[in-house]
Every structure is written in structure tokens, then in C-alpha cells.
Amino acid sequence: MASPGLDGHDRGAKVVARALKDAGMEVIYLGIHRTAEEIVKAAVQEDVDFIGLSMLSGAHLILTEQVFQKMSEQKVSDIPLIVGGTLPKRDIDKLKQLGVALIFPTQTPLDRIISEIKEYRSPQKT
């Protein structure tokens, strides 16, 4: 999980990371101001099940595209991408069209985030 680009917030990401850890998931939190390259490199090194992006800056479409581009270059397009944060409703369909697996706008209940991630992961792990 990381906040890409110039996004300088991390409170929401830390809250979600803690909730996921409390639910028994391993979370690797890279912090703020991460490049797409850093995020994808860490995902490959850590052999993650998901890549999570937390965004508040309004650059979510561009930054998501950059992460997908780096994933394609590294031939790891099979890792589902999760995007959360301040996401205008008008951009939800655009994020889905880009290929984002799960989208969690601000104020999404933590139990919903946990259950949707577990639900998404279950068929892939059996």
C-alpha cells in the first residue's frame, strides 16, 4: 500500500492498513510520495497479492495509469490493483475501465473493505 505521486496524506492509508492487519492480512506500507516504479518494484520483491493505492490529491486517474504502465513493463499485470481515497463518483467508471479491481472511496466502512478484499482473493487462492 502506498500514496503515489505528490500525495502527502497518509492517515486514511494507515487506518486501512491497521484494519487489514487486524483482519489477519500482511500489509507492506510504503508511505507517501512514492513513484509508480517504486510501488511496482516493491510489489514484485514482496510477491504481493494486491497493490493498494491511497489517493487524496485528485491525480488518481493519471497515477493509476502510471502504475498500470509500470506493471505492464514489469510483466506483473496479474496483480490486482486497489484504489482508495478521495475519488469523485464521476471517475469510478474510469478507474474500472483502466482495470482497477476494487475501488474504495472515502468513508467506505472498514469492514466492507476487508470483506471485499477477502472475497476477491478467495477464488484466486483456492
C-alpha atoms as a PDB file:
ATOM      1  CA  MET A   1       0.000   0.000   0.000  1.00  0.00           C
ATOM      2  CA  ALA A   2       1.310   3.415  -0.908  1.00  0.00           C
ATOM      3  CA  SER A   3       0.339   7.000  -1.650  1.00  0.00           C
ATOM      4  CA  PRO A   4       1.776   7.758  -5.085  1.00  0.00           C
ATOM      5  CA  GLY A   5       2.982  10.999  -6.598  1.00  0.00           C
ATOM      6  CA  LEU A   6       2.931  14.206  -4.631  1.00  0.00           C
ATOM      7  CA  ASP A   7       0.092  12.995  -2.447  1.00  0.00           C
ATOM      8  CA  GLY A   8       1.167  13.887   1.072  1.00  0.00           C
ATOM      9  CA  HIS A   9      -1.604  12.313   3.125  1.00  0.00           C
ATOM     10  CA  ASP A  10      -1.388   9.008   4.907  1.00  0.00           C
ATOM     11  CA  ARG A  11      -3.903   8.946   7.739  1.00  0.00           C
ATOM     12  CA  GLY A  12      -6.542   7.005   5.782  1.00  0.00           C
ATOM     13  CA  ALA A  13      -3.970   4.596   4.394  1.00  0.00           C
ATOM     14  CA  LYS A  14      -2.637   3.908   7.885  1.00  0.00           C
ATOM     15  CA  VAL A  15      -6.138   3.319   9.244  1.00  0.00           C
ATOM     16  CA  VAL A  16      -6.930   0.873   6.427  1.00  0.00           C
ATOM     17  CA  ALA A  17      -3.529  -0.840   6.774  1.00  0.00           C
ATOM     18  CA  ARG A  18      -4.123  -1.360  10.512  1.00  0.00           C
ATOM     19  CA  ALA A  19      -7.620  -2.734   9.891  1.00  0.00           C
ATOM     20  CA  LEU A  20      -6.284  -5.171   7.282  1.00  0.00           C
ATOM     21  CA  LYS A  21      -3.518  -6.297   9.656  1.00  0.00           C
ATOM     22  CA  ASP A  22      -6.067  -6.763  12.435  1.00  0.00           C
ATOM     23  CA  ALA A  23      -8.070  -8.920   9.999  1.00  0.00           C
ATOM     24  CA  GLY A  24      -5.045 -11.202   9.572  1.00  0.00           C
ATOM     25  CA  MET A  25      -3.592  -9.813   6.365  1.00  0.00           C
ATOM     26  CA  GLU A  26       0.024  -8.927   5.844  1.00  0.00           C
ATOM     27  CA  VAL A  27       0.402  -5.299   4.762  1.00  0.00           C
ATOM     28  CA  ILE A  28       3.512  -3.676   3.392  1.00  0.00           C
ATOM     29  CA  TYR A  29       3.115   0.088   3.709  1.00  0.00           C
ATOM     30  CA  LEU A  30       5.495   2.134   1.568  1.00  0.00           C
ATOM     31  CA  GLY A  31       4.288   5.539   2.723  1.00  0.00           C
ATOM     32  CA  ILE A  32       3.788   8.769   0.829  1.00  0.00           C
ATOM     33  CA  HIS A  33       5.383  10.333  -2.259  1.00  0.00           C
ATOM     34  CA  ARG A  34       6.086   7.003  -3.971  1.00  0.00           C
ATOM     35  CA  THR A  35       6.664   6.640  -7.680  1.00  0.00           C
ATOM     36  CA  ALA A  36       4.875   4.060  -9.788  1.00  0.00           C
ATOM     37  CA  GLU A  37       8.235   2.367 -10.274  1.00  0.00           C
ATOM     38  CA  GLU A  38       8.863   2.108  -6.512  1.00  0.00           C
ATOM     39  CA  ILE A  39       5.388   0.710  -5.905  1.00  0.00           C
ATOM     40  CA  VAL A  40       5.631  -1.961  -8.588  1.00  0.00           C
ATOM     41  CA  LYS A  41       9.216  -2.874  -7.664  1.00  0.00           C
ATOM     42  CA  ALA A  42       8.177  -3.436  -4.039  1.00  0.00           C
ATOM     43  CA  ALA A  43       5.151  -5.467  -5.149  1.00  0.00           C
ATOM     44  CA  VAL A  44       7.370  -7.765  -7.197  1.00  0.00           C
ATOM     45  CA  GLN A  45      10.010  -8.104  -4.478  1.00  0.00           C
ATOM     46  CA  GLU A  46       7.428  -8.857  -1.804  1.00  0.00           C
ATOM     47  CA  ASP A  47       5.309 -11.154  -4.018  1.00  0.00           C
ATOM     48  CA  VAL A  48       2.099  -9.380  -3.026  1.00  0.00           C
ATOM     49  CA  ASP A  49      -1.476 -10.467  -3.634  1.00  0.00           C
ATOM     50  CA  PHE A  50      -2.644  -6.887  -4.266  1.00  0.00           C
ATOM     51  CA  ILE A  51      -1.269  -3.406  -4.845  1.00  0.00           C
ATOM     52  CA  GLY A  52      -3.141  -0.734  -2.918  1.00  0.00           C
ATOM     53  CA  LEU A  53      -3.055   2.954  -3.783  1.00  0.00           C
ATOM     54  CA  SER A  54      -4.371   5.597  -1.408  1.00  0.00           C
ATOM     55  CA  MET A  55      -5.025   8.968  -3.026  1.00  0.00           C
ATOM     56  CA  LEU A  56      -6.280  12.345  -1.972  1.00  0.00           C
ATOM     57  CA  SER A  57      -4.562  14.631  -4.469  1.00  0.00           C
ATOM     58  CA  GLY A  58      -7.031  14.430  -7.362  1.00  0.00           C
ATOM     59  CA  ALA A  59      -4.431  12.886  -9.672  1.00  0.00           C
ATOM     60  CA  HIS A  60      -5.837   9.385  -9.185  1.00  0.00           C
ATOM     61  CA  LEU A  61      -6.501   8.684 -12.876  1.00  0.00           C
ATOM     62  CA  ILE A  62      -3.032   9.693 -14.052  1.00  0.00           C
ATOM     63  CA  LEU A  63      -1.275   7.962 -11.159  1.00  0.00           C
ATOM     64  CA  THR A  64      -3.299   4.787 -11.608  1.00  0.00           C
ATOM     65  CA  GLU A  65      -2.416   4.752 -15.306  1.00  0.00           C
ATOM     66  CA  GLN A  66       1.270   5.163 -14.403  1.00  0.00           C
ATOM     67  CA  VAL A  67       1.147   2.204 -12.014  1.00  0.00           C
ATOM     68  CA  PHE A  68      -0.582   0.049 -14.637  1.00  0.00           C
ATOM     69  CA  GLN A  69       2.076   1.078 -17.180  1.00  0.00           C
ATOM     70  CA  LYS A  70       4.898   0.043 -14.824  1.00  0.00           C
ATOM     71  CA  MET A  71       3.084  -3.204 -14.055  1.00  0.00           C
ATOM     72  CA  SER A  72       2.859  -3.916 -17.774  1.00  0.00           C
ATOM     73  CA  GLU A  73       6.539  -3.112 -18.291  1.00  0.00           C
ATOM     74  CA  GLN A  74       7.476  -5.454 -15.429  1.00  0.00           C
ATOM     75  CA  LYS A  75       5.077  -8.117 -16.732  1.00  0.00           C
ATOM     76  CA  VAL A  76       3.115  -8.229 -13.480  1.00  0.00           C
ATOM     77  CA  SER A  77      -0.276  -7.227 -14.792  1.00  0.00           C
ATOM     78  CA  ASP A  78      -1.792 -10.195 -12.931  1.00  0.00           C
ATOM     79  CA  ILE A  79      -1.606  -8.408  -9.557  1.00  0.00           C
ATOM     80  CA  PRO A  80      -4.977  -6.806  -8.789  1.00  0.00           C
ATOM     81  CA  LEU A  81      -4.850  -3.071  -8.132  1.00  0.00           C
ATOM     82  CA  ILE A  82      -6.958  -1.488  -5.383  1.00  0.00           C
ATOM     83  CA  VAL A  83      -7.565   2.260  -5.279  1.00  0.00           C
ATOM     84  CA  GLY A  84      -8.974   4.156  -2.330  1.00  0.00           C
ATOM     85  CA  GLY A  85      -9.282   7.709  -1.136  1.00  0.00           C
ATOM     86  CA  THR A  86     -10.938  10.868  -2.356  1.00  0.00           C
ATOM     87  CA  LEU A  87     -12.403   9.621  -5.615  1.00  0.00           C
ATOM     88  CA  PRO A  88     -15.172  11.567  -7.347  1.00  0.00           C
ATOM     89  CA  LYS A  89     -18.135   9.425  -8.355  1.00  0.00           C
ATOM     90  CA  ARG A  90     -17.644  10.538 -11.966  1.00  0.00           C
ATOM     91  CA  ASP A  91     -14.243   8.785 -12.009  1.00  0.00           C
ATOM     92  CA  ILE A  92     -15.301   5.399 -10.594  1.00  0.00           C
ATOM     93  CA  ASP A  93     -16.220   4.002 -14.029  1.00  0.00           C
ATOM     94  CA  LYS A  94     -12.985   5.387 -15.494  1.00  0.00           C
ATOM     95  CA  LEU A  95     -10.969   3.588 -12.818  1.00  0.00           C
ATOM     96  CA  LYS A  96     -12.855   0.364 -13.564  1.00  0.00           C
ATOM     97  CA  GLN A  97     -12.156   0.797 -17.286  1.00  0.00           C
ATOM     98  CA  LEU A  98      -8.455   1.158 -16.505  1.00  0.00           C
ATOM     99  CA  GLY A  99      -8.637  -2.229 -14.807  1.00  0.00           C
ATOM    100  CA  VAL A 100      -8.803  -1.365 -11.105  1.00  0.00           C
ATOM    101  CA  ALA A 101     -10.043  -4.454  -9.254  1.00  0.00           C
ATOM    102  CA  LEU A 102     -11.521  -2.802  -6.170  1.00  0.00           C
ATOM    103  CA  ILE A 103     -12.368   0.840  -5.506  1.00  0.00           C
ATOM    104  CA  PHE A 104     -12.968   2.293  -2.057  1.00  0.00           C
ATOM    105  CA  PRO A 105     -13.950   5.971  -1.932  1.00  0.00           C
ATOM    106  CA  THR A 106     -13.520   7.943   1.288  1.00  0.00           C
ATOM    107  CA  GLN A 107     -15.903   6.853   4.041  1.00  0.00           C
ATOM    108  CA  THR A 108     -16.088   3.241   2.846  1.00  0.00           C
ATOM    109  CA  PRO A 109     -16.607   1.216   6.043  1.00  0.00           C
ATOM    110  CA  LEU A 110     -13.525  -0.754   7.076  1.00  0.00           C
ATOM    111  CA  ASP A 111     -15.485  -3.992   7.400  1.00  0.00           C
ATOM    112  CA  ARG A 112     -16.612  -3.621   3.775  1.00  0.00           C
ATOM    113  CA  ILE A 113     -13.033  -3.070   2.612  1.00  0.00           C
ATOM    114  CA  ILE A 114     -11.880  -6.166   4.492  1.00  0.00           C
ATOM    115  CA  SER A 115     -14.731  -8.356   3.266  1.00  0.00           C
ATOM    116  CA  GLU A 116     -14.396  -7.286  -0.379  1.00  0.00           C
ATOM    117  CA  ILE A 117     -10.657  -7.918  -0.379  1.00  0.00           C
ATOM    118  CA  LYS A 118     -11.130 -11.355   1.211  1.00  0.00           C
ATOM    119  CA  GLU A 119     -13.938 -12.135  -1.225  1.00  0.00           C
ATOM    120  CA  TYR A 120     -11.864 -11.073  -4.225  1.00  0.00           C
ATOM    121  CA  ARG A 121      -8.843 -13.046  -3.045  1.00  0.00           C
ATOM    122  CA  SER A 122     -10.668 -16.267  -2.136  1.00  0.00           C
ATOM    123  CA  PRO A 123     -11.248 -17.677  -5.641  1.00  0.00           C
ATOM    124  CA  GLN A 124      -7.641 -16.908  -6.582  1.00  0.00           C
ATOM    125  CA  LYS A 125      -6.186 -18.704  -3.561  1.00  0.00           C
ATOM    126  CA  THR A 126      -8.080 -21.974  -3.877  1.00  0.00           C
END
